Amino acid sequence: MGERSFGAGVIIAPSILSADFASLETAAGEIDASGAEWLHFDVMDGCFVPNLTFGPKTAADLRPRSRALFDVHLMVARPDVLIRGFAEAGAGFITFHPEAEVHSHRTLMSIKELGKKAGISIVPSTPVGAIEELLPFADLVLVMTVNPGFGGQKLIPRCLEKVKTLVQIREKQRYGFLVSVDGGINEETAAGAREAGADVLVAGSAFFNAADKAALVRTLRGN
């Protein structure tokens, strides 16, 4: 299902935020056919971020129509309300924002108790130091390289320094989390994210606008 340890090659996770919402089954099929391993869900509530997308039912309906690991990113003010629903819908990873959840350690443990991999994400204005106490318990750390809410934005290069910092901490402390980069990933920016040490690249507009999606996936991986 696309799950792997860091150092075993870059995982590509197309985001269906940039797909045609009237044709999500087709979008899931395109992701499978491209060779990408994960399918990324940008879940937005119109509160934590200024957009509204979808809930657990979308993931549940797509689950039998996709071979990909479902990578759920909760950009919501109350992640605890949605965690069980997405777990039951077939998510592999469930990631939330500590900026929205005071009791983040408890939330990480709640995800793990449901048998899922638990992730934390930070927006561009949040430093790595703000989540350092959570790193021993995380399976994934998602670095937002744009301000979340809408697809098609340009990557903020400075955010890649956080990726480097996370990789250094992981190596020093021998932690086991993957580092994911989400925002503005395309043919031009993917190399910088890989060089910074990213294990997972989330691509939205670049993927769904590509005429040859399999070729794009190979390019994003650096093949």
C-alpha atoms as a PDB file:
ATOM      1  CA  MET A   1       0.000   0.000   0.000  1.00  0.00           C
ATOM      2  CA  GLY A   2       2.954   2.347  -0.464  1.00  0.00           C
ATOM      3  CA  GLU A   3       4.096   2.493   3.157  1.00  0.00           C
ATOM      4  CA  ARG A   4       7.865   2.450   3.537  1.00  0.00           C
ATOM      5  CA  SER A   5      10.687   3.613   5.748  1.00  0.00           C
ATOM      6  CA  PHE A   6      12.728   6.745   5.115  1.00  0.00           C
ATOM      7  CA  GLY A   7      15.710   6.268   2.881  1.00  0.00           C
ATOM      8  CA  ALA A   8      13.871   3.805   0.621  1.00  0.00           C
ATOM      9  CA  GLY A   9      12.945   6.300  -2.112  1.00  0.00           C
ATOM     10  CA  VAL A  10      10.571   9.232  -2.349  1.00  0.00           C
ATOM     11  CA  ILE A  11       6.830   8.567  -2.053  1.00  0.00           C
ATOM     12  CA  ILE A  12       4.548  10.570  -4.340  1.00  0.00           C
ATOM     13  CA  ALA A  13       1.132  11.526  -2.939  1.00  0.00           C
ATOM     14  CA  PRO A  14      -1.156  13.284  -5.448  1.00  0.00           C
ATOM     15  CA  SER A  15      -3.767  15.454  -3.750  1.00  0.00           C
ATOM     16  CA  ILE A  16      -7.344  15.130  -4.971  1.00  0.00           C
ATOM     17  CA  LEU A  17      -7.927  18.719  -3.848  1.00  0.00           C
ATOM     18  CA  SER A  18      -6.859  19.616  -7.385  1.00  0.00           C
ATOM     19  CA  ALA A  19      -9.027  16.994  -9.086  1.00  0.00           C
ATOM     20  CA  ASP A  20     -12.462  17.523 -10.632  1.00  0.00           C
ATOM     21  CA  PHE A  21     -14.741  16.857  -7.665  1.00  0.00           C
ATOM     22  CA  ALA A  22     -17.404  15.537 -10.034  1.00  0.00           C
ATOM     23  CA  SER A  23     -14.995  12.810 -11.188  1.00  0.00           C
ATOM     24  CA  LEU A  24     -13.140  11.661  -8.085  1.00  0.00           C
ATOM     25  CA  GLU A  25     -13.311   7.989  -9.065  1.00  0.00           C
ATOM     26  CA  THR A  26     -11.547   8.863 -12.323  1.00  0.00           C
ATOM     27  CA  ALA A  27      -8.975  10.867 -10.369  1.00  0.00           C
ATOM     28  CA  ALA A  28      -8.278   7.907  -8.085  1.00  0.00           C
ATOM     29  CA  GLY A  29      -7.769   5.712 -11.131  1.00  0.00           C
ATOM     30  CA  GLU A  30      -5.327   8.217 -12.620  1.00  0.00           C
ATOM     31  CA  ILE A  31      -3.320   8.187  -9.399  1.00  0.00           C
ATOM     32  CA  ASP A  32      -3.136   4.381  -9.432  1.00  0.00           C
ATOM     33  CA  ALA A  33      -2.159   4.317 -13.117  1.00  0.00           C
ATOM     34  CA  SER A  34       0.584   6.926 -12.611  1.00  0.00           C
ATOM     35  CA  GLY A  35       2.601   4.745 -10.252  1.00  0.00           C
ATOM     36  CA  ALA A  36       2.104   7.091  -7.286  1.00  0.00           C
ATOM     37  CA  GLU A  37       1.869   5.199  -3.999  1.00  0.00           C
ATOM     38  CA  TRP A  38      -0.365   7.449  -1.890  1.00  0.00           C
ATOM     39  CA  LEU A  39      -3.595   9.393  -2.389  1.00  0.00           C
ATOM     40  CA  HIS A  40      -3.663  12.614  -0.352  1.00  0.00           C
ATOM     41  CA  PHE A  41      -6.866  14.043   1.116  1.00  0.00           C
ATOM     42  CA  ASP A  42      -6.773  17.739   2.038  1.00  0.00           C
ATOM     43  CA  VAL A  43      -9.636  17.944   4.528  1.00  0.00           C
ATOM     44  CA  MET A  44     -10.706  21.540   5.206  1.00  0.00           C
ATOM     45  CA  ASP A  45     -13.466  22.901   7.430  1.00  0.00           C
ATOM     46  CA  GLY A  46     -13.730  26.560   6.396  1.00  0.00           C
ATOM     47  CA  CYS A  47     -12.562  27.493   9.900  1.00  0.00           C
ATOM     48  CA  PHE A  48      -8.939  26.479  10.435  1.00  0.00           C
ATOM     49  CA  VAL A  49      -8.341  27.283   6.743  1.00  0.00           C
ATOM     50  CA  PRO A  50     -10.494  29.397   4.384  1.00  0.00           C
ATOM     51  CA  ASN A  51     -11.873  26.563   2.267  1.00  0.00           C
ATOM     52  CA  LEU A  52     -14.242  23.620   2.580  1.00  0.00           C
ATOM     53  CA  THR A  53     -13.622  20.233   0.996  1.00  0.00           C
ATOM     54  CA  PHE A  54     -14.846  16.785   2.040  1.00  0.00           C
ATOM     55  CA  GLY A  55     -15.418  14.401   4.927  1.00  0.00           C
ATOM     56  CA  PRO A  56     -14.964  10.712   5.718  1.00  0.00           C
ATOM     57  CA  LYS A  57     -17.663   9.525   3.302  1.00  0.00           C
ATOM     58  CA  THR A  58     -15.583  10.669   0.327  1.00  0.00           C
ATOM     59  CA  ALA A  59     -12.688   8.510   1.505  1.00  0.00           C
ATOM     60  CA  ALA A  60     -14.987   5.581   2.288  1.00  0.00           C
ATOM     61  CA  ASP A  61     -16.553   5.711  -1.186  1.00  0.00           C
ATOM     62  CA  LEU A  62     -13.147   5.873  -2.891  1.00  0.00           C
ATOM     63  CA  ARG A  63     -11.493   3.196  -0.743  1.00  0.00           C
ATOM     64  CA  PRO A  64     -12.664   0.196  -2.859  1.00  0.00           C
ATOM     65  CA  ARG A  65     -11.805   2.117  -6.033  1.00  0.00           C
ATOM     66  CA  SER A  66      -8.132   2.751  -5.256  1.00  0.00           C
ATOM     67  CA  ARG A  67      -5.023   0.697  -4.502  1.00  0.00           C
ATOM     68  CA  ALA A  68      -3.229   3.677  -2.954  1.00  0.00           C
ATOM     69  CA  LEU A  69      -2.562   4.292   0.710  1.00  0.00           C
ATOM     70  CA  PHE A  70      -4.945   7.025   1.883  1.00  0.00           C
ATOM     71  CA  ASP A  71      -3.003   9.916   3.399  1.00  0.00           C
ATOM     72  CA  VAL A  72      -5.490  12.134   5.245  1.00  0.00           C
ATOM     73  CA  HIS A  73      -4.464  15.677   6.187  1.00  0.00           C
ATOM     74  CA  LEU A  74      -6.908  17.269   8.629  1.00  0.00           C
ATOM     75  CA  MET A  75      -6.728  21.040   8.226  1.00  0.00           C
ATOM     76  CA  VAL A  76      -9.575  21.530  10.670  1.00  0.00           C
ATOM     77  CA  ALA A  77     -10.192  23.316  13.960  1.00  0.00           C
ATOM     78  CA  ARG A  78     -11.342  20.145  15.752  1.00  0.00           C
ATOM     79  CA  PRO A  79      -9.461  17.114  14.388  1.00  0.00           C
ATOM     80  CA  ASP A  80     -10.723  14.869  17.190  1.00  0.00           C
ATOM     81  CA  VAL A  81     -14.226  14.997  15.678  1.00  0.00           C
ATOM     82  CA  LEU A  82     -13.071  13.479  12.362  1.00  0.00           C
ATOM     83  CA  ILE A  83     -10.337  11.017  13.310  1.00  0.00           C
ATOM     84  CA  ARG A  84     -12.525   7.953  13.898  1.00  0.00           C
ATOM     85  CA  GLY A  85     -14.553   8.602  10.754  1.00  0.00           C
ATOM     86  CA  PHE A  86     -11.487   8.691   8.535  1.00  0.00           C
ATOM     87  CA  ALA A  87      -9.957   5.698  10.309  1.00  0.00           C
ATOM     88  CA  GLU A  88     -13.109   3.687   9.588  1.00  0.00           C
ATOM     89  CA  ALA A  89     -13.096   4.984   6.002  1.00  0.00           C
ATOM     90  CA  GLY A  90      -9.745   3.298   5.363  1.00  0.00           C
ATOM     91  CA  ALA A  91      -7.102   5.957   5.990  1.00  0.00           C
ATOM     92  CA  GLY A  92      -3.535   4.721   6.412  1.00  0.00           C
ATOM     93  CA  PHE A  93      -2.078   7.939   7.787  1.00  0.00           C
ATOM     94  CA  ILE A  94      -4.067  10.615   9.626  1.00  0.00           C
ATOM     95  CA  THR A  95      -2.298  13.934  10.109  1.00  0.00           C
ATOM     96  CA  PHE A  96      -3.525  16.936  12.098  1.00  0.00           C
ATOM     97  CA  HIS A  97      -2.266  20.389  13.067  1.00  0.00           C
ATOM     98  CA  PRO A  98      -0.975  20.958  16.610  1.00  0.00           C
ATOM     99  CA  GLU A  99      -1.785  24.641  15.972  1.00  0.00           C
ATOM    100  CA  ALA A 100      -5.442  23.559  16.202  1.00  0.00           C
ATOM    101  CA  GLU A 101      -5.133  21.021  19.028  1.00  0.00           C
ATOM    102  CA  VAL A 102      -3.795  21.888  22.482  1.00  0.00           C
ATOM    103  CA  HIS A 103      -3.666  18.243  23.594  1.00  0.00           C
ATOM    104  CA  SER A 104      -1.697  17.019  20.600  1.00  0.00           C
ATOM    105  CA  HIS A 105      -0.032  14.091  22.331  1.00  0.00           C
ATOM    106  CA  ARG A 106      -3.433  12.697  23.248  1.00  0.00           C
ATOM    107  CA  THR A 107      -4.598  13.132  19.653  1.00  0.00           C
ATOM    108  CA  LEU A 108      -1.554  11.258  18.345  1.00  0.00           C
ATOM    109  CA  MET A 109      -2.280   8.420  20.731  1.00  0.00           C
ATOM    110  CA  SER A 110      -5.948   8.370  19.701  1.00  0.00           C
ATOM    111  CA  ILE A 111      -4.952   7.858  16.071  1.00  0.00           C
ATOM    112  CA  LYS A 112      -2.546   5.070  16.979  1.00  0.00           C
ATOM    113  CA  GLU A 113      -5.148   3.347  19.147  1.00  0.00           C
ATOM    114  CA  LEU A 114      -7.328   3.092  16.039  1.00  0.00           C
ATOM    115  CA  GLY A 115      -4.519   1.188  14.312  1.00  0.00           C
ATOM    116  CA  LYS A 116      -3.460   4.083  12.060  1.00  0.00           C
ATOM    117  CA  LYS A 117      -0.219   5.948  11.494  1.00  0.00           C
ATOM    118  CA  ALA A 118      -0.279   9.341  13.195  1.00  0.00           C
ATOM    119  CA  GLY A 119       1.063  12.540  11.676  1.00  0.00           C
ATOM    120  CA  ILE A 120       1.486  16.182  12.652  1.00  0.00           C
ATOM    121  CA  SER A 121       1.657  19.153  10.305  1.00  0.00           C
ATOM    122  CA  ILE A 122       2.879  22.728  10.633  1.00  0.00           C
ATOM    123  CA  VAL A 123       1.980  25.809   8.613  1.00  0.00           C
ATOM    124  CA  PRO A 124       4.718  28.125   7.245  1.00  0.00           C
ATOM    125  CA  SER A 125       4.638  30.406  10.305  1.00  0.00           C
ATOM    126  CA  THR A 126       5.155  27.574  12.812  1.00  0.00           C
ATOM    127  CA  PRO A 127       8.761  26.650  13.701  1.00  0.00           C
ATOM    128  CA  VAL A 128       9.959  23.082  14.168  1.00  0.00           C
ATOM    129  CA  GLY A 129      10.678  23.861  17.810  1.00  0.00           C
ATOM    130  CA  ALA A 130       6.950  24.149  18.478  1.00  0.00           C
ATOM    131  CA  ILE A 131       6.472  20.415  17.792  1.00  0.00           C
ATOM    132  CA  GLU A 132       9.761  19.003  19.069  1.00  0.00           C
ATOM    133  CA  GLU A 133       8.144  17.361  22.114  1.00  0.00           C
ATOM    134  CA  LEU A 134       5.764  15.475  19.783  1.00  0.00           C
ATOM    135  CA  LEU A 135       8.381  14.086  17.402  1.00  0.00           C
ATOM    136  CA  PRO A 136       9.093  10.857  19.347  1.00  0.00           C
ATOM    137  CA  PHE A 137       5.422   9.895  18.952  1.00  0.00           C
ATOM    138  CA  ALA A 138       4.832  10.880  15.311  1.00  0.00           C
ATOM    139  CA  ASP A 139       4.903   8.566  12.303  1.00  0.00           C
ATOM    140  CA  LEU A 140       4.902  11.482   9.861  1.00  0.00           C
ATOM    141  CA  VAL A 141       5.642  15.204   9.951  1.00  0.00           C
ATOM    142  CA  LEU A 142       4.072  17.222   7.153  1.00  0.00           C
ATOM    143  CA  VAL A 143       5.721  20.556   6.393  1.00  0.00           C
ATOM    144  CA  MET A 144       3.380  22.990   4.668  1.00  0.00           C
ATOM    145  CA  THR A 145       5.354  24.976   2.111  1.00  0.00           C
ATOM    146  CA  VAL A 146       2.385  27.215   1.281  1.00  0.00           C
ATOM    147  CA  ASN A 147      -0.278  28.769   3.476  1.00  0.00           C
ATOM    148  CA  PRO A 148      -2.956  26.070   3.480  1.00  0.00           C
ATOM    149  CA  GLY A 149      -6.411  26.511   2.033  1.00  0.00           C
ATOM    150  CA  PHE A 150      -6.098  26.532  -1.736  1.00  0.00           C
ATOM    151  CA  GLY A 151      -4.178  24.624  -4.402  1.00  0.00           C
ATOM    152  CA  GLY A 152      -1.938  26.124  -7.055  1.00  0.00           C
ATOM    153  CA  GLN A 153       0.214  28.286  -4.759  1.00  0.00           C
ATOM    154  CA  LYS A 154       3.970  28.785  -5.089  1.00  0.00           C
ATOM    155  CA  LEU A 155       6.322  26.978  -2.723  1.00  0.00           C
ATOM    156  CA  ILE A 156       7.904  29.156  -0.022  1.00  0.00           C
ATOM    157  CA  PRO A 157      11.611  28.145  -0.269  1.00  0.00           C
ATOM    158  CA  ARG A 158      12.437  29.055   3.333  1.00  0.00           C
ATOM    159  CA  CYS A 159      10.092  26.308   4.540  1.00  0.00           C
ATOM    160  CA  LEU A 160      12.475  23.681   3.167  1.00  0.00           C
ATOM    161  CA  GLU A 161      14.900  24.626   5.948  1.00  0.00           C
ATOM    162  CA  LYS A 162      12.398  23.028   8.335  1.00  0.00           C
ATOM    163  CA  VAL A 163      12.682  19.787   6.373  1.00  0.00           C
ATOM    164  CA  LYS A 164      16.449  19.830   6.845  1.00  0.00           C
ATOM    165  CA  THR A 165      16.030  20.523  10.556  1.00  0.00           C
ATOM    166  CA  LEU A 166      13.576  17.654  10.976  1.00  0.00           C
ATOM    167  CA  VAL A 167      15.900  15.239   9.182  1.00  0.00           C
ATOM    168  CA  GLN A 168      18.792  16.313  11.429  1.00  0.00           C
ATOM    169  CA  ILE A 169      16.693  15.792  14.567  1.00  0.00           C
ATOM    170  CA  ARG A 170      15.510  12.420  13.304  1.00  0.00           C
ATOM    171  CA  GLU A 171      19.043  11.231  12.657  1.00  0.00           C
ATOM    172  CA  LYS A 172      20.375  12.532  15.970  1.00  0.00           C
ATOM    173  CA  GLN A 173      17.529  11.110  18.083  1.00  0.00           C
ATOM    174  CA  ARG A 174      16.931   8.020  15.918  1.00  0.00           C
ATOM    175  CA  TYR A 175      13.251   8.786  15.505  1.00  0.00           C
ATOM    176  CA  GLY A 176      11.136   6.955  12.949  1.00  0.00           C
ATOM    177  CA  PHE A 177       8.885   9.585  11.372  1.00  0.00           C
ATOM    178  CA  LEU A 178       8.636  10.306   7.647  1.00  0.00           C
ATOM    179  CA  VAL A 179       8.953  13.906   6.460  1.00  0.00           C
ATOM    180  CA  SER A 180       6.338  15.066   3.953  1.00  0.00           C
ATOM    181  CA  VAL A 181       6.281  18.304   1.949  1.00  0.00           C
ATOM    182  CA  ASP A 182       2.993  19.785   0.777  1.00  0.00           C
ATOM    183  CA  GLY A 183       2.559  22.943  -1.260  1.00  0.00           C
ATOM    184  CA  GLY A 184       3.819  24.101  -4.632  1.00  0.00           C
ATOM    185  CA  ILE A 185       5.491  20.805  -5.536  1.00  0.00           C
ATOM    186  CA  ASN A 186       6.125  20.510  -9.280  1.00  0.00           C
ATOM    187  CA  GLU A 187       8.871  19.625 -11.765  1.00  0.00           C
ATOM    188  CA  GLU A 188      10.904  22.693 -10.750  1.00  0.00           C
ATOM    189  CA  THR A 189      10.563  22.509  -6.962  1.00  0.00           C
ATOM    190  CA  ALA A 190      10.659  18.758  -6.307  1.00  0.00           C
ATOM    191  CA  ALA A 191      14.448  18.527  -6.523  1.00  0.00           C
ATOM    192  CA  GLY A 192      14.900  21.067  -3.732  1.00  0.00           C
ATOM    193  CA  ALA A 193      12.460  19.187  -1.511  1.00  0.00           C
ATOM    194  CA  ARG A 194      14.255  15.899  -2.168  1.00  0.00           C
ATOM    195  CA  GLU A 195      17.647  17.486  -1.480  1.00  0.00           C
ATOM    196  CA  ALA A 196      16.320  18.849   1.807  1.00  0.00           C
ATOM    197  CA  GLY A 197      15.508  15.263   2.803  1.00  0.00           C
ATOM    198  CA  ALA A 198      11.781  14.878   2.120  1.00  0.00           C
ATOM    199  CA  ASP A 199      10.447  11.310   2.099  1.00  0.00           C
ATOM    200  CA  VAL A 200       6.985  12.175   0.753  1.00  0.00           C
ATOM    201  CA  LEU A 201       6.017  14.768  -1.864  1.00  0.00           C
ATOM    202  CA  VAL A 202       2.396  15.907  -2.108  1.00  0.00           C
ATOM    203  CA  ALA A 203       1.506  17.261  -5.550  1.00  0.00           C
ATOM    204  CA  GLY A 204      -1.871  18.646  -6.535  1.00  0.00           C
ATOM    205  CA  SER A 205      -2.146  21.032  -9.464  1.00  0.00           C
ATOM    206  CA  ALA A 206       1.064  19.797 -11.073  1.00  0.00           C
ATOM    207  CA  PHE A 207      -0.240  16.221 -11.086  1.00  0.00           C
ATOM    208  CA  PHE A 208      -3.742  16.842 -12.395  1.00  0.00           C
ATOM    209  CA  ASN A 209      -2.560  19.371 -15.003  1.00  0.00           C
ATOM    210  CA  ALA A 210       0.069  16.982 -16.364  1.00  0.00           C
ATOM    211  CA  ALA A 211      -0.611  15.443 -19.760  1.00  0.00           C
ATOM    212  CA  ASP A 212       1.563  12.431 -18.861  1.00  0.00           C
ATOM    213  CA  LYS A 213       1.015  11.786 -15.164  1.00  0.00           C
ATOM    214  CA  ALA A 214       3.282   8.736 -15.005  1.00  0.00           C
ATOM    215  CA  ALA A 215       6.138  10.771 -16.469  1.00  0.00           C
ATOM    216  CA  LEU A 216       5.504  13.521 -13.920  1.00  0.00           C
ATOM    217  CA  VAL A 217       5.621  11.029 -11.054  1.00  0.00           C
ATOM    218  CA  ARG A 218       8.980   9.752 -12.290  1.00  0.00           C
ATOM    219  CA  THR A 219      10.258  13.334 -12.523  1.00  0.00           C
ATOM    220  CA  LEU A 220       9.063  14.198  -9.034  1.00  0.00           C
ATOM    221  CA  ARG A 221      10.852  11.102  -7.712  1.00  0.00           C
ATOM    222  CA  GLY A 222      14.025  12.129  -9.495  1.00  0.00           C
ATOM    223  CA  ASN A 223      14.076   9.064 -11.755  1.00  0.00           C
END
